[in-house]
Amino acid sequence: AEFPAQVGAADWAPDGKSIAVLGQTGEQRF
């Protein structure tokens, strides 16, 4: 996939049908 910002991690769902992706949102949170 092409996410708008950097991705830090990705891992499979236990059933192997989807992947969770952790990435930046671009929102200022702090």
Full PDB file with SEQRES, HELIX, SHEET, SSBOND, CRYST1, ORIGX, SCALE, CONECT and MASTER records, all heavy atoms in Angstrom:
SEQRES   1 A   30  ALA GLU PHE PRO ALA GLN VAL GLY ALA ALA ASP TRP ALA          
SEQRES   2 A   30  PRO ASP GLY LYS SER ILE ALA VAL LEU GLY GLN THR GLY          
SEQRES   3 A   30  GLU GLN ARG PHE                                              
SHEET    1 AA1 2 VAL A   7  TRP A  12  0                                        
SHEET    2 AA1 2 ILE A  19  GLY A  23 -1                                        
CRYST1    1.000    1.000    1.000  90.00  90.00  90.00 P 1           1          
ORIGX1      1.000000  0.000000  0.000000        0.00000                         
ORIGX2      0.000000  1.000000  0.000000        0.00000                         
ORIGX3      0.000000  0.000000  1.000000        0.00000                         
SCALE1      1.000000  0.000000  0.000000        0.00000                         
SCALE2      0.000000  1.000000  0.000000        0.00000                         
SCALE3      0.000000  0.000000  1.000000        0.00000                         
ATOM      1  N   ALA A   1       0.861  -1.187   0.000  1.00  0.00           N  
ATOM      2  CA  ALA A   1       0.000   0.000   0.000  1.00  0.00           C  
ATOM      3  C   ALA A   1       0.891   1.229   0.000  1.00  0.00           C  
ATOM      4  O   ALA A   1       2.077   1.150   0.298  1.00  0.00           O  
ATOM      5  CB  ALA A   1      -0.903   0.006   1.231  1.00  0.00           C  
ATOM      6  N   GLU A   2       0.299   2.374  -0.320  1.00  0.00           N  
ATOM      7  CA  GLU A   2       1.016   3.644  -0.282  1.00  0.00           C  
ATOM      8  C   GLU A   2       0.331   4.522   0.758  1.00  0.00           C  
ATOM      9  O   GLU A   2      -0.789   4.985   0.548  1.00  0.00           O  
ATOM     10  CB  GLU A   2       0.979   4.330  -1.645  1.00  0.00           C  
ATOM     11  CG  GLU A   2       1.645   5.684  -1.683  1.00  0.00           C  
ATOM     12  CD  GLU A   2       3.155   5.606  -1.577  1.00  0.00           C  
ATOM     13  OE1 GLU A   2       3.753   4.646  -2.088  1.00  0.00           O  
ATOM     14  OE2 GLU A   2       3.748   6.519  -0.980  1.00  0.00           O  
ATOM     15  N   PHE A   3       0.985   4.701   1.894  1.00  0.00           N  
ATOM     16  CA  PHE A   3       0.459   5.551   2.949  1.00  0.00           C  
ATOM     17  C   PHE A   3       1.062   6.943   2.795  1.00  0.00           C  
ATOM     18  O   PHE A   3       2.189   7.082   2.308  1.00  0.00           O  
ATOM     19  CB  PHE A   3       0.794   4.954   4.321  1.00  0.00           C  
ATOM     20  CG  PHE A   3       0.022   3.698   4.615  1.00  0.00           C  
ATOM     21  CD1 PHE A   3       0.523   2.455   4.260  1.00  0.00           C  
ATOM     22  CD2 PHE A   3      -1.222   3.755   5.229  1.00  0.00           C  
ATOM     23  CE1 PHE A   3      -0.180   1.293   4.510  1.00  0.00           C  
ATOM     24  CE2 PHE A   3      -1.939   2.601   5.486  1.00  0.00           C  
ATOM     25  CZ  PHE A   3      -1.419   1.367   5.125  1.00  0.00           C  
ATOM     26  N   PRO A   4       0.339   7.979   3.227  1.00  0.00           N  
ATOM     27  CA  PRO A   4       0.841   9.342   3.021  1.00  0.00           C  
ATOM     28  C   PRO A   4       2.109   9.670   3.810  1.00  0.00           C  
ATOM     29  O   PRO A   4       2.875  10.534   3.422  1.00  0.00           O  
ATOM     30  CB  PRO A   4      -0.310  10.240   3.465  1.00  0.00           C  
ATOM     31  CG  PRO A   4      -1.262   9.374   4.195  1.00  0.00           C  
ATOM     32  CD  PRO A   4      -0.997   7.964   3.805  1.00  0.00           C  
ATOM     33  N   ALA A   5       2.338   8.961   4.902  1.00  0.00           N  
ATOM     34  CA  ALA A   5       3.513   9.235   5.736  1.00  0.00           C  
ATOM     35  C   ALA A   5       4.288   7.937   5.955  1.00  0.00           C  
ATOM     36  O   ALA A   5       3.915   6.872   5.450  1.00  0.00           O  
ATOM     37  CB  ALA A   5       3.074   9.843   7.066  1.00  0.00           C  
ATOM     38  N   GLN A   6       5.350   8.024   6.720  1.00  0.00           N  
ATOM     39  CA  GLN A   6       6.194   6.865   7.018  1.00  0.00           C  
ATOM     40  C   GLN A   6       5.417   5.797   7.788  1.00  0.00           C  
ATOM     41  O   GLN A   6       4.580   6.105   8.618  1.00  0.00           O  
ATOM     42  CB  GLN A   6       7.385   7.289   7.886  1.00  0.00           C  
ATOM     43  CG  GLN A   6       8.254   8.360   7.286  1.00  0.00           C  
ATOM     44  CD  GLN A   6       9.290   7.815   6.332  1.00  0.00           C  
ATOM     45  OE1 GLN A   6       9.416   6.624   6.107  1.00  0.00           O  
ATOM     46  NE2 GLN A   6      10.050   8.714   5.744  1.00  0.00           N  
ATOM     47  N   VAL A   7       5.721   4.549   7.507  1.00  0.00           N  
ATOM     48  CA  VAL A   7       5.167   3.409   8.235  1.00  0.00           C  
ATOM     49  C   VAL A   7       6.269   2.844   9.120  1.00  0.00           C  
ATOM     50  O   VAL A   7       7.414   2.724   8.689  1.00  0.00           O  
ATOM     51  CB  VAL A   7       4.646   2.340   7.246  1.00  0.00           C  
ATOM     52  CG1 VAL A   7       4.336   1.040   7.947  1.00  0.00           C  
ATOM     53  CG2 VAL A   7       3.424   2.868   6.514  1.00  0.00           C  
ATOM     54  N   GLY A   8       5.917   2.505  10.361  1.00  0.00           N  
ATOM     55  CA  GLY A   8       6.911   2.010  11.301  1.00  0.00           C  
ATOM     56  C   GLY A   8       6.892   0.509  11.502  1.00  0.00           C  
ATOM     57  O   GLY A   8       7.905  -0.089  11.849  1.00  0.00           O  
ATOM     58  N   ALA A   9       5.737  -0.121  11.279  1.00  0.00           N  
ATOM     59  CA  ALA A   9       5.628  -1.566  11.513  1.00  0.00           C  
ATOM     60  C   ALA A   9       4.414  -2.111  10.778  1.00  0.00           C  
ATOM     61  O   ALA A   9       3.472  -1.381  10.477  1.00  0.00           O  
ATOM     62  CB  ALA A   9       5.509  -1.863  13.006  1.00  0.00           C  
ATOM     63  N   ALA A  10       4.459  -3.415  10.501  1.00  0.00           N  
ATOM     64  CA  ALA A  10       3.329  -4.122   9.892  1.00  0.00           C  
ATOM     65  C   ALA A  10       3.377  -5.554  10.391  1.00  0.00           C  
ATOM     66  O   ALA A  10       4.460  -6.118  10.563  1.00  0.00           O  
ATOM     67  CB  ALA A  10       3.409  -4.074   8.371  1.00  0.00           C  
ATOM     68  N   ASP A  11       2.213  -6.143  10.626  1.00  0.00           N  
ATOM     69  CA  ASP A  11       2.162  -7.533  11.078  1.00  0.00           C  
ATOM     70  C   ASP A  11       0.855  -8.161  10.625  1.00  0.00           C  
ATOM     71  O   ASP A  11      -0.139  -7.485  10.416  1.00  0.00           O  
ATOM     72  CB  ASP A  11       2.299  -7.619  12.595  1.00  0.00           C  
ATOM     73  CG  ASP A  11       2.885  -8.944  13.058  1.00  0.00           C  
ATOM     74  OD1 ASP A  11       2.945  -9.892  12.248  1.00  0.00           O  
ATOM     75  OD2 ASP A  11       3.275  -9.031  14.228  1.00  0.00           O  
ATOM     76  N   TRP A  12       0.886  -9.474  10.480  1.00  0.00           N  
ATOM     77  CA  TRP A  12      -0.241 -10.249   9.986  1.00  0.00           C  
ATOM     78  C   TRP A  12      -1.295 -10.474  11.065  1.00  0.00           C  
ATOM     79  O   TRP A  12      -0.962 -10.671  12.232  1.00  0.00           O  
ATOM     80  CB  TRP A  12       0.234 -11.618   9.514  1.00  0.00           C  
ATOM     81  CG  TRP A  12       1.183 -11.563   8.370  1.00  0.00           C  
ATOM     82  CD1 TRP A  12       2.532 -11.423   8.437  1.00  0.00           C  
ATOM     83  CD2 TRP A  12       0.852 -11.631   6.987  1.00  0.00           C  
ATOM     84  NE1 TRP A  12       3.067 -11.396   7.176  1.00  0.00           N  
ATOM     85  CE2 TRP A  12       2.062 -11.535   6.264  1.00  0.00           C  
ATOM     86  CE3 TRP A  12      -0.346 -11.775   6.291  1.00  0.00           C  
ATOM     87  CZ2 TRP A  12       2.102 -11.567   4.881  1.00  0.00           C  
ATOM     88  CZ3 TRP A  12      -0.303 -11.807   4.901  1.00  0.00           C  
ATOM     89  CH2 TRP A  12       0.897 -11.706   4.211  1.00  0.00           C  
ATOM     90  N   ALA A  13      -2.565 -10.513  10.663  1.00  0.00           N  
ATOM     91  CA  ALA A  13      -3.639 -10.993  11.534  1.00  0.00           C  
ATOM     92  C   ALA A  13      -3.448 -12.503  11.673  1.00  0.00           C  
ATOM     93  O   ALA A  13      -2.881 -13.145  10.780  1.00  0.00           O  
ATOM     94  CB  ALA A  13      -4.997 -10.682  10.917  1.00  0.00           C  
ATOM     95  N   PRO A  14      -3.887 -13.089  12.777  1.00  0.00           N  
ATOM     96  CA  PRO A  14      -3.690 -14.530  12.968  1.00  0.00           C  
ATOM     97  C   PRO A  14      -4.241 -15.406  11.837  1.00  0.00           C  
ATOM     98  O   PRO A  14      -3.681 -16.462  11.551  1.00  0.00           O  
ATOM     99  CB  PRO A  14      -4.418 -14.808  14.284  1.00  0.00           C  
ATOM    100  CG  PRO A  14      -4.344 -13.513  15.022  1.00  0.00           C  
ATOM    101  CD  PRO A  14      -4.469 -12.460  13.951  1.00  0.00           C  
ATOM    102  N   ASP A  15      -5.307 -14.961  11.163  1.00  0.00           N  
ATOM    103  CA  ASP A  15      -5.864 -15.765  10.072  1.00  0.00           C  
ATOM    104  C   ASP A  15      -5.147 -15.547   8.741  1.00  0.00           C  
ATOM    105  O   ASP A  15      -5.440 -16.215   7.745  1.00  0.00           O  
ATOM    106  CB  ASP A  15      -7.364 -15.505   9.918  1.00  0.00           C  
ATOM    107  CG  ASP A  15      -7.710 -14.090   9.483  1.00  0.00           C  
ATOM    108  OD1 ASP A  15      -6.793 -13.278   9.207  1.00  0.00           O  
ATOM    109  OD2 ASP A  15      -8.915 -13.778   9.428  1.00  0.00           O  
ATOM    110  N   GLY A  16      -4.217 -14.596   8.686  1.00  0.00           N  
ATOM    111  CA  GLY A  16      -3.441 -14.332   7.476  1.00  0.00           C  
ATOM    112  C   GLY A  16      -4.200 -13.591   6.395  1.00  0.00           C  
ATOM    113  O   GLY A  16      -3.686 -13.404   5.296  1.00  0.00           O  
ATOM    114  N   LYS A  17      -5.408 -13.125   6.687  1.00  0.00           N  
ATOM    115  CA  LYS A  17      -6.222 -12.450   5.665  1.00  0.00           C  
ATOM    116  C   LYS A  17      -6.058 -10.938   5.644  1.00  0.00           C  
ATOM    117  O   LYS A  17      -6.509 -10.289   4.711  1.00  0.00           O  
ATOM    118  CB  LYS A  17      -7.698 -12.810   5.868  1.00  0.00           C  
ATOM    119  CG  LYS A  17      -7.972 -14.277   5.617  1.00  0.00           C  
ATOM    120  CD  LYS A  17      -9.426 -14.598   5.796  1.00  0.00           C  
ATOM    121  CE  LYS A  17      -9.664 -16.085   5.556  1.00  0.00           C  
ATOM    122  NZ  LYS A  17     -11.055 -16.450   5.775  1.00  0.00           N  
ATOM    123  N   SER A  18      -5.431 -10.390   6.676  1.00  0.00           N  
ATOM    124  CA  SER A  18      -5.215  -8.947   6.704  1.00  0.00           C  
ATOM    125  C   SER A  18      -3.913  -8.636   7.434  1.00  0.00           C  
ATOM    126  O   SER A  18      -3.339  -9.491   8.111  1.00  0.00           O  
ATOM    127  CB  SER A  18      -6.400  -8.228   7.362  1.00  0.00           C  
ATOM    128  OG  SER A  18      -6.618  -8.716   8.667  1.00  0.00           O  
ATOM    129  N   ILE A  19      -3.481  -7.400   7.264  1.00  0.00           N  
ATOM    130  CA  ILE A  19      -2.239  -6.939   7.862  1.00  0.00           C  
ATOM    131  C   ILE A  19      -2.513  -5.624   8.582  1.00  0.00           C  
ATOM    132  O   ILE A  19      -3.128  -4.715   8.002  1.00  0.00           O  
ATOM    133  CB  ILE A  19      -1.148  -6.748   6.785  1.00  0.00           C  
ATOM    134  CG1 ILE A  19      -0.811  -8.097   6.148  1.00  0.00           C  
ATOM    135  CG2 ILE A  19       0.099  -6.094   7.372  1.00  0.00           C  
ATOM    136  CD1 ILE A  19       0.128  -8.012   4.967  1.00  0.00           C  
ATOM    137  N   ALA A  20      -2.058  -5.520   9.816  1.00  0.00           N  
ATOM    138  CA  ALA A  20      -2.159  -4.266  10.562  1.00  0.00           C  
ATOM    139  C   ALA A  20      -0.887  -3.467  10.295  1.00  0.00           C  
ATOM    140  O   ALA A  20       0.216  -4.022  10.287  1.00  0.00           O  
ATOM    141  CB  ALA A  20      -2.308  -4.545  12.052  1.00  0.00           C  
ATOM    142  N   VAL A  21      -1.055  -2.163  10.081  1.00  0.00           N  
ATOM    143  CA  VAL A  21       0.063  -1.292   9.769  1.00  0.00           C  
ATOM    144  C   VAL A  21       0.074  -0.130  10.762  1.00  0.00           C  
ATOM    145  O   VAL A  21      -0.966   0.464  11.027  1.00  0.00           O  
ATOM    146  CB  VAL A  21      -0.034  -0.756   8.320  1.00  0.00           C  
ATOM    147  CG1 VAL A  21       1.084   0.208   8.006  1.00  0.00           C  
ATOM    148  CG2 VAL A  21      -0.040  -1.914   7.333  1.00  0.00           C  
ATOM    149  N   LEU A  22       1.241   0.184  11.281  1.00  0.00           N  
ATOM    150  CA  LEU A  22       1.418   1.294  12.208  1.00  0.00           C  
ATOM    151  C   LEU A  22       2.196   2.378  11.495  1.00  0.00           C  
ATOM    152  O   LEU A  22       3.297   2.131  10.995  1.00  0.00           O  
ATOM    153  CB  LEU A  22       2.193   0.820  13.443  1.00  0.00           C  
ATOM    154  CG  LEU A  22       2.509   1.858  14.507  1.00  0.00           C  
ATOM    155  CD1 LEU A  22       1.220   2.365  15.151  1.00  0.00           C  
ATOM    156  CD2 LEU A  22       3.421   1.252  15.556  1.00  0.00           C  
ATOM    157  N   GLY A  23       1.601   3.569  11.411  1.00  0.00           N  
ATOM    158  CA  GLY A  23       2.273   4.640  10.701  1.00  0.00           C  
ATOM    159  C   GLY A  23       1.896   6.000  11.227  1.00  0.00           C  
ATOM    160  O   GLY A  23       0.991   6.141  12.054  1.00  0.00           O  
ATOM    161  N   GLN A  24       2.573   7.001  10.750  1.00  0.00           N  
ATOM    162  CA  GLN A  24       2.316   8.378  11.150  1.00  0.00           C  
ATOM    163  C   GLN A  24       1.027   8.879  10.517  1.00  0.00           C  
ATOM    164  O   GLN A  24       0.683   8.511   9.399  1.00  0.00           O  
ATOM    165  CB  GLN A  24       3.469   9.268  10.707  1.00  0.00           C  
ATOM    166  CG  GLN A  24       4.794   8.887  11.303  1.00  0.00           C  
ATOM    167  CD  GLN A  24       5.950   9.664  10.674  1.00  0.00           C  
ATOM    168  OE1 GLN A  24       5.788  10.356   9.680  1.00  0.00           O  
ATOM    169  NE2 GLN A  24       7.122   9.514  11.253  1.00  0.00           N  
ATOM    170  N   THR A  25       0.322   9.741  11.253  1.00  0.00           N  
ATOM    171  CA  THR A  25      -0.917  10.310  10.724  1.00  0.00           C  
ATOM    172  C   THR A  25      -0.717  11.714  10.178  1.00  0.00           C  
ATOM    173  O   THR A  25      -1.540  12.202   9.417  1.00  0.00           O  
ATOM    174  CB  THR A  25      -1.996  10.386  11.821  1.00  0.00           C  
ATOM    175  OG1 THR A  25      -1.550  11.292  12.844  1.00  0.00           O  
ATOM    176  CG2 THR A  25      -2.289   9.017  12.397  1.00  0.00           C  
ATOM    177  N   GLY A  26       0.343  12.380  10.608  1.00  0.00           N  
ATOM    178  CA  GLY A  26       0.554  13.761  10.195  1.00  0.00           C  
ATOM    179  C   GLY A  26      -0.099  14.750  11.147  1.00  0.00           C  
ATOM    180  O   GLY A  26       0.125  15.948  11.057  1.00  0.00           O  
ATOM    181  N   GLU A  27      -0.930  14.270  12.072  1.00  0.00           N  
ATOM    182  CA  GLU A  27      -1.581  15.154  13.043  1.00  0.00           C  
ATOM    183  C   GLU A  27      -0.629  15.468  14.182  1.00  0.00           C  
ATOM    184  O   GLU A  27       0.106  14.600  14.634  1.00  0.00           O  
ATOM    185  CB  GLU A  27      -2.825  14.480  13.630  1.00  0.00           C  
ATOM    186  CG  GLU A  27      -3.924  14.259  12.636  1.00  0.00           C  
ATOM    187  CD  GLU A  27      -5.129  13.594  13.280  1.00  0.00           C  
ATOM    188  OE1 GLU A  27      -5.365  13.830  14.481  1.00  0.00           O  
ATOM    189  OE2 GLU A  27      -5.812  12.846  12.584  1.00  0.00           O  
ATOM    190  N   GLN A  28      -0.667  16.722  14.645  1.00  0.00           N  
ATOM    191  CA  GLN A  28       0.121  17.099  15.808  1.00  0.00           C  
ATOM    192  C   GLN A  28      -0.656  16.685  17.056  1.00  0.00           C  
ATOM    193  O   GLN A  28      -1.747  17.174  17.310  1.00  0.00           O  
ATOM    194  CB  GLN A  28       0.376  18.592  15.841  1.00  0.00           C  
ATOM    195  CG  GLN A  28       1.412  19.035  14.859  1.00  0.00           C  
ATOM    196  CD  GLN A  28       1.804  20.482  15.101  1.00  0.00           C  
ATOM    197  OE1 GLN A  28       1.119  21.225  15.783  1.00  0.00           O  
ATOM    198  NE2 GLN A  28       2.910  20.874  14.521  1.00  0.00           N  
ATOM    199  N   ARG A  29      -0.088  15.801  17.823  1.00  0.00           N  
ATOM    200  CA  ARG A  29      -0.767  15.324  19.023  1.00  0.00           C  
ATOM    201  C   ARG A  29      -0.191  15.948  20.279  1.00  0.00           C  
ATOM    202  O   ARG A  29      -0.848  15.998  21.290  1.00  0.00           O  
ATOM    203  CB  ARG A  29      -0.668  13.825  19.093  1.00  0.00           C  
ATOM    204  CG  ARG A  29      -1.305  13.228  17.851  1.00  0.00           C  
ATOM    205  CD  ARG A  29      -1.918  11.967  18.106  1.00  0.00           C  
ATOM    206  NE  ARG A  29      -2.669  11.666  16.892  1.00  0.00           N  
ATOM    207  CZ  ARG A  29      -3.151  10.520  16.611  1.00  0.00           C  
ATOM    208  NH1 ARG A  29      -2.987   9.565  17.430  1.00  0.00           N  
ATOM    209  NH2 ARG A  29      -3.817  10.334  15.520  1.00  0.00           N  
ATOM    210  N   PHE A  30       1.049  16.361  20.210  1.00  0.00           N  
ATOM    211  CA  PHE A  30       1.705  16.966  21.357  1.00  0.00           C  
ATOM    212  C   PHE A  30       2.320  18.292  20.893  1.00  0.00           C  
ATOM    213  O   PHE A  30       2.898  18.357  19.816  1.00  0.00           O  
ATOM    214  CB  PHE A  30       2.819  16.074  21.902  1.00  0.00           C  
ATOM    215  CG  PHE A  30       2.329  14.713  22.305  1.00  0.00           C  
ATOM    216  CD1 PHE A  30       2.488  13.617  21.466  1.00  0.00           C  
ATOM    217  CD2 PHE A  30       1.685  14.528  23.516  1.00  0.00           C  
ATOM    218  CE1 PHE A  30       2.033  12.375  21.836  1.00  0.00           C  
ATOM    219  CE2 PHE A  30       1.219  13.281  23.894  1.00  0.00           C  
ATOM    220  CZ  PHE A  30       1.391  12.201  23.061  1.00  0.00           C  
TER     221      PHE A  30                                                      
MASTER        0    0    0    0    2    0    0    6  220    1    0    3          
END                                                                             
